[in-house]
Amino acid sequence: MPELPEVETIARGVHKRVRHDRFLQAWFCSLPQPFKTPTSKQAKALAGRTILAVHRTGKHIVFELGPSEDVPRKLAPDAGQRAGDRQSPDAQWIVHLGMTGRLLVTDPDSPVVPHTHARLELASGRELRFVDPRRFGRLEFRELGRDVAFVAPGAEPLTIGPMEFAALFHRRHLPIKAALLNQELLSGVGNIYADEGLFQAGIRPRRRTDRLTTTELERLRIALQQVLNQAIRLGGSSVSDYVDADGKRGFFQLEHCVYQRTGEPCRRCQTPILRIELAGRGTHYCPRCQR
């Protein structure tokens, strides 16, 4: 499943390409989908709306949309930007990529790959496509004023401060790896970056949260933010189906110290990396560097 750095990379790429563009019409496939809003309602609600901004919230990609308007087939070079700068969002389109979802900005004449479940025509002449082989992704439309704006269930890992971070874990009685995966605590951290953050902090994944010192938790917070930011700079980790908004793979998988390196020598001490099952997930760590 794409985690925070992958979702952030896609959101930034889509924002750069479609900000101030406008939806003309939307097509959704007829296969059953776990979408939160019926496809017929999404198609009607999205038509004519200007894309004011695209950003990540937790593991979700959120489109901030202006009011629906009749739109020309083509936009003047700066018409969309002028209009967008005067508008405030009154709706949101929320995309969760699930396990294998992709959100691509492409030319309408490019081949339609298998498992394309949504094609949205843009006034600029491009298309936004949602591709999801396993069909675990979710699409949702919210009309602000009638519906509440989307917020992530947990804290934002990139900006959380020392006191708030420590407070999340001090009174809990569970392994720190399981706590990091709890989206009600931190929104966006998944298996890859929990393993990598714990390695950089020198903390074993089975350590109980209530037994970690304030110093250890602060070391973990800093390490986790450093790992996440470095992964964003390298375009995320392409260990499965992940690609960015242009269909390009990320490079952070080349920097992994423990994740999916079972039996390989630790990059610091040469001790073989171990793999265990924890919280239902494969978990990787160095038995020497992590205490």
C-alpha atoms as a PDB file:
ATOM      1  CA  MET A   1       0.000   0.000   0.000  1.00  0.00           C
ATOM      2  CA  PRO A   2       1.363   3.468  -0.823  1.00  0.00           C
ATOM      3  CA  GLU A   3       2.455   5.192   2.378  1.00  0.00           C
ATOM      4  CA  LEU A   4       2.953   8.839   3.271  1.00  0.00           C
ATOM      5  CA  PRO A   5       5.953   9.570   0.979  1.00  0.00           C
ATOM      6  CA  GLU A   6       4.330   7.895  -2.025  1.00  0.00           C
ATOM      7  CA  VAL A   7       0.992   9.645  -1.504  1.00  0.00           C
ATOM      8  CA  GLU A   8       2.763  12.965  -0.923  1.00  0.00           C
ATOM      9  CA  THR A   9       4.763  12.522  -4.142  1.00  0.00           C
ATOM     10  CA  ILE A  10       1.633  11.775  -6.164  1.00  0.00           C
ATOM     11  CA  ALA A  11      -0.332  14.643  -4.608  1.00  0.00           C
ATOM     12  CA  ARG A  12       2.453  17.124  -5.366  1.00  0.00           C
ATOM     13  CA  GLY A  13       2.769  15.856  -8.924  1.00  0.00           C
ATOM     14  CA  VAL A  14      -0.961  16.042  -9.584  1.00  0.00           C
ATOM     15  CA  HIS A  15      -1.182  19.498  -7.985  1.00  0.00           C
ATOM     16  CA  LYS A  16       1.614  20.791 -10.208  1.00  0.00           C
ATOM     17  CA  ARG A  17      -0.091  19.508 -13.352  1.00  0.00           C
ATOM     18  CA  VAL A  18      -3.803  20.156 -12.783  1.00  0.00           C
ATOM     19  CA  ARG A  19      -4.064  23.133 -10.420  1.00  0.00           C
ATOM     20  CA  HIS A  20      -6.503  25.687 -11.940  1.00  0.00           C
ATOM     21  CA  ASP A  21      -7.643  23.102 -14.505  1.00  0.00           C
ATOM     22  CA  ARG A  22     -11.295  22.089 -14.599  1.00  0.00           C
ATOM     23  CA  PHE A  23     -13.178  18.811 -14.799  1.00  0.00           C
ATOM     24  CA  LEU A  24     -15.342  18.531 -17.907  1.00  0.00           C
ATOM     25  CA  GLN A  25     -16.771  15.068 -17.457  1.00  0.00           C
ATOM     26  CA  ALA A  26     -15.995  11.836 -15.659  1.00  0.00           C
ATOM     27  CA  TRP A  27     -16.304   8.190 -16.684  1.00  0.00           C
ATOM     28  CA  PHE A  28     -16.326   5.346 -14.168  1.00  0.00           C
ATOM     29  CA  CYS A  29     -16.262   1.645 -14.998  1.00  0.00           C
ATOM     30  CA  SER A  30     -19.293  -0.481 -14.144  1.00  0.00           C
ATOM     31  CA  LEU A  31     -17.466  -3.018 -11.950  1.00  0.00           C
ATOM     32  CA  PRO A  32     -18.431  -3.074  -8.259  1.00  0.00           C
ATOM     33  CA  GLN A  33     -16.165  -0.702  -6.323  1.00  0.00           C
ATOM     34  CA  PRO A  34     -15.746   0.110  -2.619  1.00  0.00           C
ATOM     35  CA  PHE A  35     -16.251   3.805  -3.407  1.00  0.00           C
ATOM     36  CA  LYS A  36     -17.749   5.943  -0.657  1.00  0.00           C
ATOM     37  CA  THR A  37     -19.808   8.012  -3.104  1.00  0.00           C
ATOM     38  CA  PRO A  38     -21.817   6.389  -5.956  1.00  0.00           C
ATOM     39  CA  THR A  39     -20.102   6.877  -9.298  1.00  0.00           C
ATOM     40  CA  SER A  40     -23.171   8.507 -10.861  1.00  0.00           C
ATOM     41  CA  LYS A  41     -23.194  11.136  -8.119  1.00  0.00           C
ATOM     42  CA  GLN A  42     -19.438  11.708  -8.473  1.00  0.00           C
ATOM     43  CA  ALA A  43     -19.706  12.185 -12.243  1.00  0.00           C
ATOM     44  CA  LYS A  44     -22.484  14.745 -11.871  1.00  0.00           C
ATOM     45  CA  ALA A  45     -20.888  16.574  -8.943  1.00  0.00           C
ATOM     46  CA  LEU A  46     -17.404  16.855 -10.465  1.00  0.00           C
ATOM     47  CA  ALA A  47     -18.450  18.214 -13.870  1.00  0.00           C
ATOM     48  CA  GLY A  48     -17.507  21.870 -14.283  1.00  0.00           C
ATOM     49  CA  ARG A  49     -15.550  22.208 -11.052  1.00  0.00           C
ATOM     50  CA  THR A  50     -12.194  23.998 -10.956  1.00  0.00           C
ATOM     51  CA  ILE A  51      -9.329  22.254  -9.191  1.00  0.00           C
ATOM     52  CA  LEU A  52      -8.052  24.849  -6.732  1.00  0.00           C
ATOM     53  CA  ALA A  53      -5.431  22.662  -5.061  1.00  0.00           C
ATOM     54  CA  VAL A  54      -4.398  19.044  -4.529  1.00  0.00           C
ATOM     55  CA  HIS A  55      -2.749  17.930  -1.296  1.00  0.00           C
ATOM     56  CA  ARG A  56      -2.140  14.919   0.923  1.00  0.00           C
ATOM     57  CA  THR A  57      -3.992  14.366   4.186  1.00  0.00           C
ATOM     58  CA  GLY A  58      -2.796  11.189   5.917  1.00  0.00           C
ATOM     59  CA  LYS A  59      -2.790   8.522   3.192  1.00  0.00           C
ATOM     60  CA  HIS A  60      -5.465  10.348   1.180  1.00  0.00           C
ATOM     61  CA  ILE A  61      -5.187  12.704  -1.790  1.00  0.00           C
ATOM     62  CA  VAL A  62      -7.613  15.614  -1.433  1.00  0.00           C
ATOM     63  CA  PHE A  63      -8.761  17.808  -4.338  1.00  0.00           C
ATOM     64  CA  GLU A  64     -10.036  21.201  -3.204  1.00  0.00           C
ATOM     65  CA  LEU A  65     -12.726  22.209  -5.723  1.00  0.00           C
ATOM     66  CA  GLY A  66     -14.475  25.428  -6.681  1.00  0.00           C
ATOM     67  CA  PRO A  67     -18.168  25.758  -7.539  1.00  0.00           C
ATOM     68  CA  SER A  68     -19.509  23.947 -10.577  1.00  0.00           C
ATOM     69  CA  GLU A  69     -19.692  26.091 -13.712  1.00  0.00           C
ATOM     70  CA  ASP A  70     -20.331  25.660 -17.406  1.00  0.00           C
ATOM     71  CA  VAL A  71     -16.885  25.306 -18.980  1.00  0.00           C
ATOM     72  CA  PRO A  72     -15.479  25.848 -22.467  1.00  0.00           C
ATOM     73  CA  ARG A  73     -13.757  22.944 -24.180  1.00  0.00           C
ATOM     74  CA  LYS A  74     -10.413  24.727 -23.948  1.00  0.00           C
ATOM     75  CA  LEU A  75      -8.960  27.191 -21.480  1.00  0.00           C
ATOM     76  CA  ALA A  76      -7.061  30.362 -22.269  1.00  0.00           C
ATOM     77  CA  PRO A  77      -3.447  30.025 -21.027  1.00  0.00           C
ATOM     78  CA  ASP A  78      -4.049  31.899 -17.775  1.00  0.00           C
ATOM     79  CA  ALA A  79      -7.852  31.891 -17.523  1.00  0.00           C
ATOM     80  CA  GLY A  80      -8.021  28.979 -15.116  1.00  0.00           C
ATOM     81  CA  GLN A  81      -5.378  30.507 -12.869  1.00  0.00           C
ATOM     82  CA  ARG A  82      -7.151  33.866 -12.738  1.00  0.00           C
ATOM     83  CA  ALA A  83     -10.467  32.203 -11.890  1.00  0.00           C
ATOM     84  CA  GLY A  84      -8.926  29.807  -9.393  1.00  0.00           C
ATOM     85  CA  ASP A  85      -7.158  32.590  -7.519  1.00  0.00           C
ATOM     86  CA  ARG A  86     -10.549  34.246  -6.830  1.00  0.00           C
ATOM     87  CA  GLN A  87     -12.333  31.152  -5.549  1.00  0.00           C
ATOM     88  CA  SER A  88     -12.587  29.345  -2.237  1.00  0.00           C
ATOM     89  CA  PRO A  89     -13.200  25.584  -2.033  1.00  0.00           C
ATOM     90  CA  ASP A  90     -16.803  24.503  -1.683  1.00  0.00           C
ATOM     91  CA  ALA A  91     -16.253  20.796  -2.334  1.00  0.00           C
ATOM     92  CA  GLN A  92     -13.638  18.064  -2.038  1.00  0.00           C
ATOM     93  CA  TRP A  93     -12.845  14.968  -4.054  1.00  0.00           C
ATOM     94  CA  ILE A  94     -10.963  12.461  -1.911  1.00  0.00           C
ATOM     95  CA  VAL A  95      -8.842   9.643  -3.337  1.00  0.00           C
ATOM     96  CA  HIS A  96      -7.476   6.714  -1.336  1.00  0.00           C
ATOM     97  CA  LEU A  97      -5.174   4.517  -3.400  1.00  0.00           C
ATOM     98  CA  GLY A  98      -5.808   1.312  -1.464  1.00  0.00           C
ATOM     99  CA  MET A  99      -3.224  -1.419  -2.032  1.00  0.00           C
ATOM    100  CA  THR A 100      -2.368  -0.897  -5.691  1.00  0.00           C
ATOM    101  CA  GLY A 101      -4.022   2.324  -6.823  1.00  0.00           C
ATOM    102  CA  ARG A 102      -2.445   4.831  -9.205  1.00  0.00           C
ATOM    103  CA  LEU A 103      -3.481   8.382 -10.059  1.00  0.00           C
ATOM    104  CA  LEU A 104      -2.049   9.465 -13.407  1.00  0.00           C
ATOM    105  CA  VAL A 105      -2.160  12.687 -15.413  1.00  0.00           C
ATOM    106  CA  THR A 106      -1.935  11.705 -19.047  1.00  0.00           C
ATOM    107  CA  ASP A 107      -2.708  12.552 -22.657  1.00  0.00           C
ATOM    108  CA  PRO A 108      -6.198  11.347 -23.663  1.00  0.00           C
ATOM    109  CA  ASP A 109      -4.721   9.424 -26.591  1.00  0.00           C
ATOM    110  CA  SER A 110      -2.364   7.365 -24.432  1.00  0.00           C
ATOM    111  CA  PRO A 111      -3.309   3.663 -24.145  1.00  0.00           C
ATOM    112  CA  VAL A 112      -5.828   2.840 -21.447  1.00  0.00           C
ATOM    113  CA  VAL A 113      -4.153   0.246 -19.241  1.00  0.00           C
ATOM    114  CA  PRO A 114      -6.104  -2.650 -17.687  1.00  0.00           C
ATOM    115  CA  HIS A 115      -7.873  -1.925 -14.393  1.00  0.00           C
ATOM    116  CA  THR A 116      -8.539   1.730 -15.235  1.00  0.00           C
ATOM    117  CA  HIS A 117     -11.645   2.460 -13.179  1.00  0.00           C
ATOM    118  CA  ALA A 118     -12.014   6.211 -13.701  1.00  0.00           C
ATOM    119  CA  ARG A 119     -11.153   8.685 -16.488  1.00  0.00           C
ATOM    120  CA  LEU A 120     -11.735  12.371 -15.874  1.00  0.00           C
ATOM    121  CA  GLU A 121     -11.548  14.747 -18.830  1.00  0.00           C
ATOM    122  CA  LEU A 122      -9.930  18.107 -18.089  1.00  0.00           C
ATOM    123  CA  ALA A 123     -10.512  21.433 -19.812  1.00  0.00           C
ATOM    124  CA  SER A 124      -6.786  21.617 -20.636  1.00  0.00           C
ATOM    125  CA  GLY A 125      -7.196  18.568 -22.887  1.00  0.00           C
ATOM    126  CA  ARG A 126      -5.519  16.129 -20.510  1.00  0.00           C
ATOM    127  CA  GLU A 127      -7.023  13.260 -18.519  1.00  0.00           C
ATOM    128  CA  LEU A 128      -6.783  12.208 -14.912  1.00  0.00           C
ATOM    129  CA  ARG A 129      -6.949   8.412 -14.588  1.00  0.00           C
ATOM    130  CA  PHE A 130      -7.479   6.189 -11.564  1.00  0.00           C
ATOM    131  CA  VAL A 131      -6.012   2.693 -12.013  1.00  0.00           C
ATOM    132  CA  ASP A 132      -6.481   0.030  -9.337  1.00  0.00           C
ATOM    133  CA  PRO A 133      -5.833  -3.675 -10.097  1.00  0.00           C
ATOM    134  CA  ARG A 134      -7.026  -4.983  -6.714  1.00  0.00           C
ATOM    135  CA  ARG A 135      -9.969  -2.559  -6.377  1.00  0.00           C
ATOM    136  CA  PHE A 136      -9.304  -1.594  -2.754  1.00  0.00           C
ATOM    137  CA  GLY A 137      -9.074   2.116  -3.549  1.00  0.00           C
ATOM    138  CA  ARG A 138     -11.798   4.553  -2.549  1.00  0.00           C
ATOM    139  CA  LEU A 139     -13.172   7.688  -4.173  1.00  0.00           C
ATOM    140  CA  GLU A 140     -15.416  10.114  -2.321  1.00  0.00           C
ATOM    141  CA  PHE A 141     -17.067  13.460  -3.055  1.00  0.00           C
ATOM    142  CA  ARG A 142     -17.920  15.920  -0.277  1.00  0.00           C
ATOM    143  CA  GLU A 143     -19.894  19.126  -0.672  1.00  0.00           C
ATOM    144  CA  LEU A 144     -18.557  21.521   1.947  1.00  0.00           C
ATOM    145  CA  GLY A 145     -21.265  23.196   3.968  1.00  0.00           C
ATOM    146  CA  ARG A 146     -23.361  20.060   3.740  1.00  0.00           C
ATOM    147  CA  ASP A 147     -20.541  17.650   4.598  1.00  0.00           C
ATOM    148  CA  VAL A 148     -17.606  18.256   6.927  1.00  0.00           C
ATOM    149  CA  ALA A 149     -14.181  18.717   5.356  1.00  0.00           C
ATOM    150  CA  PHE A 150     -11.981  15.633   5.298  1.00  0.00           C
ATOM    151  CA  VAL A 151      -9.423  15.331   8.091  1.00  0.00           C
ATOM    152  CA  ALA A 152      -7.012  12.505   8.843  1.00  0.00           C
ATOM    153  CA  PRO A 153      -7.834  10.371  11.903  1.00  0.00           C
ATOM    154  CA  GLY A 154      -4.387  10.745  13.497  1.00  0.00           C
ATOM    155  CA  ALA A 155      -1.603  13.279  13.891  1.00  0.00           C
ATOM    156  CA  GLU A 156       0.545  14.438  10.971  1.00  0.00           C
ATOM    157  CA  PRO A 157       3.950  12.687  11.228  1.00  0.00           C
ATOM    158  CA  LEU A 158       5.905  15.383   9.370  1.00  0.00           C
ATOM    159  CA  THR A 159       4.957  18.219  11.701  1.00  0.00           C
ATOM    160  CA  ILE A 160       4.117  16.637  15.060  1.00  0.00           C
ATOM    161  CA  GLY A 161       6.078  18.127  17.950  1.00  0.00           C
ATOM    162  CA  PRO A 162       7.989  16.377  20.774  1.00  0.00           C
ATOM    163  CA  MET A 163       5.356  16.642  23.501  1.00  0.00           C
ATOM    164  CA  GLU A 164       2.469  15.572  21.297  1.00  0.00           C
ATOM    165  CA  PHE A 165       4.478  12.654  19.889  1.00  0.00           C
ATOM    166  CA  ALA A 166       5.452  11.375  23.333  1.00  0.00           C
ATOM    167  CA  ALA A 167       1.875  11.716  24.573  1.00  0.00           C
ATOM    168  CA  LEU A 168       0.647   9.405  21.808  1.00  0.00           C
ATOM    169  CA  PHE A 169       2.637   6.460  23.132  1.00  0.00           C
ATOM    170  CA  HIS A 170       3.539   6.870  26.809  1.00  0.00           C
ATOM    171  CA  ARG A 171       0.369   5.317  28.247  1.00  0.00           C
ATOM    172  CA  ARG A 172      -0.127   2.560  25.699  1.00  0.00           C
ATOM    173  CA  HIS A 173       0.810  -1.055  26.334  1.00  0.00           C
ATOM    174  CA  LEU A 174       1.692  -2.398  22.894  1.00  0.00           C
ATOM    175  CA  PRO A 175       4.785  -2.863  20.728  1.00  0.00           C
ATOM    176  CA  ILE A 176       6.058   0.380  19.258  1.00  0.00           C
ATOM    177  CA  LYS A 177       5.863  -1.031  15.717  1.00  0.00           C
ATOM    178  CA  ALA A 178       2.149  -1.748  16.172  1.00  0.00           C
ATOM    179  CA  ALA A 179       1.611   1.757  17.578  1.00  0.00           C
ATOM    180  CA  LEU A 180       3.326   3.372  14.590  1.00  0.00           C
ATOM    181  CA  LEU A 181       0.988   1.500  12.229  1.00  0.00           C
ATOM    182  CA  ASN A 182      -2.119   2.695  14.093  1.00  0.00           C
ATOM    183  CA  GLN A 183      -3.605   5.356  11.816  1.00  0.00           C
ATOM    184  CA  GLU A 184      -5.643   6.720  14.719  1.00  0.00           C
ATOM    185  CA  LEU A 185      -2.333   7.799  16.270  1.00  0.00           C
ATOM    186  CA  LEU A 186      -0.189   8.787  13.275  1.00  0.00           C
ATOM    187  CA  SER A 187      -1.758   9.130   9.841  1.00  0.00           C
ATOM    188  CA  GLY A 188       0.363   7.956   6.927  1.00  0.00           C
ATOM    189  CA  VAL A 189       3.076   5.767   8.455  1.00  0.00           C
ATOM    190  CA  GLY A 190       3.026   2.188   7.131  1.00  0.00           C
ATOM    191  CA  ASN A 191       5.187  -0.903   7.239  1.00  0.00           C
ATOM    192  CA  ILE A 192       8.149   0.422   5.253  1.00  0.00           C
ATOM    193  CA  TYR A 193       8.687   3.635   7.166  1.00  0.00           C
ATOM    194  CA  ALA A 194       7.906   2.179  10.581  1.00  0.00           C
ATOM    195  CA  ASP A 195      10.720  -0.350  10.027  1.00  0.00           C
ATOM    196  CA  GLU A 196      13.114   2.241   8.633  1.00  0.00           C
ATOM    197  CA  GLY A 197      12.329   4.838  11.298  1.00  0.00           C
ATOM    198  CA  LEU A 198      12.835   2.340  14.132  1.00  0.00           C
ATOM    199  CA  PHE A 199      16.162   1.296  12.637  1.00  0.00           C
ATOM    200  CA  GLN A 200      17.391   4.884  12.401  1.00  0.00           C
ATOM    201  CA  ALA A 201      16.298   5.468  16.008  1.00  0.00           C
ATOM    202  CA  GLY A 202      17.990   2.259  17.227  1.00  0.00           C
ATOM    203  CA  ILE A 203      14.774   0.881  18.756  1.00  0.00           C
ATOM    204  CA  ARG A 204      13.566  -2.706  18.418  1.00  0.00           C
ATOM    205  CA  PRO A 205      10.052  -3.067  17.002  1.00  0.00           C
ATOM    206  CA  ARG A 206       8.867  -5.233  19.934  1.00  0.00           C
ATOM    207  CA  ARG A 207       9.725  -2.638  22.591  1.00  0.00           C
ATOM    208  CA  ARG A 208       6.607  -1.637  24.509  1.00  0.00           C
ATOM    209  CA  THR A 209       5.585   1.973  24.102  1.00  0.00           C
ATOM    210  CA  ASP A 210       5.107   2.575  27.831  1.00  0.00           C
ATOM    211  CA  ARG A 211       8.670   1.448  28.485  1.00  0.00           C
ATOM    212  CA  LEU A 212      10.292   3.822  26.029  1.00  0.00           C
ATOM    213  CA  THR A 213      11.928   6.848  27.604  1.00  0.00           C
ATOM    214  CA  THR A 214      11.166  10.406  26.579  1.00  0.00           C
ATOM    215  CA  THR A 215      14.651  10.548  25.040  1.00  0.00           C
ATOM    216  CA  GLU A 216      14.015   7.418  22.983  1.00  0.00           C
ATOM    217  CA  LEU A 217      10.656   8.692  21.764  1.00  0.00           C
ATOM    218  CA  GLU A 218      12.193  11.989  20.704  1.00  0.00           C
ATOM    219  CA  ARG A 219      14.936  10.098  18.876  1.00  0.00           C
ATOM    220  CA  LEU A 220      12.239   8.106  17.100  1.00  0.00           C
ATOM    221  CA  ARG A 221      10.252  11.218  16.157  1.00  0.00           C
ATOM    222  CA  ILE A 222      13.306  12.858  14.615  1.00  0.00           C
ATOM    223  CA  ALA A 223      14.379   9.657  12.838  1.00  0.00           C
ATOM    224  CA  LEU A 224      10.901   9.054  11.450  1.00  0.00           C
ATOM    225  CA  GLN A 225      10.638  12.595  10.076  1.00  0.00           C
ATOM    226  CA  GLN A 226      14.093  12.346   8.517  1.00  0.00           C
ATOM    227  CA  VAL A 227      13.236   9.037   6.839  1.00  0.00           C
ATOM    228  CA  LEU A 228       9.894  10.324   5.538  1.00  0.00           C
ATOM    229  CA  ASN A 229      11.393  13.532   4.151  1.00  0.00           C
ATOM    230  CA  GLN A 230      14.252  11.697   2.470  1.00  0.00           C
ATOM    231  CA  ALA A 231      11.774   9.263   0.903  1.00  0.00           C
ATOM    232  CA  ILE A 232       9.730  12.182  -0.433  1.00  0.00           C
ATOM    233  CA  ARG A 233      12.871  13.737  -1.940  1.00  0.00           C
ATOM    234  CA  LEU A 234      13.579  10.442  -3.733  1.00  0.00           C
ATOM    235  CA  GLY A 235      10.021  10.027  -4.996  1.00  0.00           C
ATOM    236  CA  GLY A 236       8.935   7.255  -2.620  1.00  0.00           C
ATOM    237  CA  SER A 237       9.620   3.522  -2.545  1.00  0.00           C
ATOM    238  CA  SER A 238       8.696   1.452  -5.599  1.00  0.00           C
ATOM    239  CA  VAL A 239       8.622  -2.021  -4.053  1.00  0.00           C
ATOM    240  CA  SER A 240       5.396  -3.117  -5.765  1.00  0.00           C
ATOM    241  CA  ASP A 241       3.007  -1.247  -8.093  1.00  0.00           C
ATOM    242  CA  TYR A 242       3.753   2.302  -6.995  1.00  0.00           C
ATOM    243  CA  VAL A 243       4.479   4.997  -9.582  1.00  0.00           C
ATOM    244  CA  ASP A 244       4.068   8.774  -9.405  1.00  0.00           C
ATOM    245  CA  ALA A 245       1.614  10.984 -11.327  1.00  0.00           C
ATOM    246  CA  ASP A 246       3.744  10.631 -14.469  1.00  0.00           C
ATOM    247  CA  GLY A 247       3.994   6.856 -14.195  1.00  0.00           C
ATOM    248  CA  LYS A 248       7.617   6.953 -12.947  1.00  0.00           C
ATOM    249  CA  ARG A 249       9.041   4.769 -10.195  1.00  0.00           C
ATOM    250  CA  GLY A 250      10.567   6.124  -6.983  1.00  0.00           C
ATOM    251  CA  PHE A 251      14.111   5.512  -5.734  1.00  0.00           C
ATOM    252  CA  PHE A 252      13.953   5.302  -1.938  1.00  0.00           C
ATOM    253  CA  GLN A 253      13.841   1.488  -2.056  1.00  0.00           C
ATOM    254  CA  LEU A 254      17.537   1.692  -2.919  1.00  0.00           C
ATOM    255  CA  GLU A 255      18.133   3.369   0.458  1.00  0.00           C
ATOM    256  CA  HIS A 256      16.274   0.845   2.643  1.00  0.00           C
ATOM    257  CA  CYS A 257      18.375  -0.292   5.584  1.00  0.00           C
ATOM    258  CA  VAL A 258      16.137  -3.088   6.888  1.00  0.00           C
ATOM    259  CA  TYR A 259      12.819  -3.323   5.042  1.00  0.00           C
ATOM    260  CA  GLN A 260      12.716  -6.505   2.890  1.00  0.00           C
ATOM    261  CA  ARG A 261      16.437  -7.114   3.479  1.00  0.00           C
ATOM    262  CA  THR A 262      15.997 -10.337   5.476  1.00  0.00           C
ATOM    263  CA  GLY A 263      19.341 -12.152   5.866  1.00  0.00           C
ATOM    264  CA  GLU A 264      21.319  -9.377   4.210  1.00  0.00           C
ATOM    265  CA  PRO A 265      24.097  -7.653   6.199  1.00  0.00           C
ATOM    266  CA  CYS A 266      23.190  -4.528   8.144  1.00  0.00           C
ATOM    267  CA  ARG A 267      24.564  -1.463   6.391  1.00  0.00           C
ATOM    268  CA  ARG A 268      26.094  -0.330   9.700  1.00  0.00           C
ATOM    269  CA  CYS A 269      27.353  -3.423  11.514  1.00  0.00           C
ATOM    270  CA  GLN A 270      27.093  -6.280   8.953  1.00  0.00           C
ATOM    271  CA  THR A 271      24.825  -8.350  11.241  1.00  0.00           C
ATOM    272  CA  PRO A 272      22.168 -10.213   9.206  1.00  0.00           C
ATOM    273  CA  ILE A 273      18.779  -8.465   9.177  1.00  0.00           C
ATOM    274  CA  LEU A 274      16.008 -10.435  10.914  1.00  0.00           C
ATOM    275  CA  ARG A 275      12.348 -10.719   9.972  1.00  0.00           C
ATOM    276  CA  ILE A 276       9.519 -11.377  12.433  1.00  0.00           C
ATOM    277  CA  GLU A 277       5.728 -11.156  12.351  1.00  0.00           C
ATOM    278  CA  LEU A 278       4.368  -8.303  14.424  1.00  0.00           C
ATOM    279  CA  ALA A 279       0.878  -6.804  14.369  1.00  0.00           C
ATOM    280  CA  GLY A 280       0.133  -9.059  11.408  1.00  0.00           C
ATOM    281  CA  ARG A 281       2.917  -7.510   9.340  1.00  0.00           C
ATOM    282  CA  GLY A 282       6.367  -8.641   8.295  1.00  0.00           C
ATOM    283  CA  THR A 283       8.806  -6.633  10.409  1.00  0.00           C
ATOM    284  CA  HIS A 284      12.521  -6.167   9.744  1.00  0.00           C
ATOM    285  CA  TYR A 285      15.263  -5.045  12.141  1.00  0.00           C
ATOM    286  CA  CYS A 286      18.931  -5.352  13.034  1.00  0.00           C
ATOM    287  CA  PRO A 287      19.384  -7.296  16.293  1.00  0.00           C
ATOM    288  CA  ARG A 288      22.618  -5.458  17.046  1.00  0.00           C
ATOM    289  CA  CYS A 289      21.879  -1.849  16.109  1.00  0.00           C
ATOM    290  CA  GLN A 290      18.366  -1.841  17.589  1.00  0.00           C
ATOM    291  CA  ARG A 291      17.899  -2.281  21.335  1.00  0.00           C
END
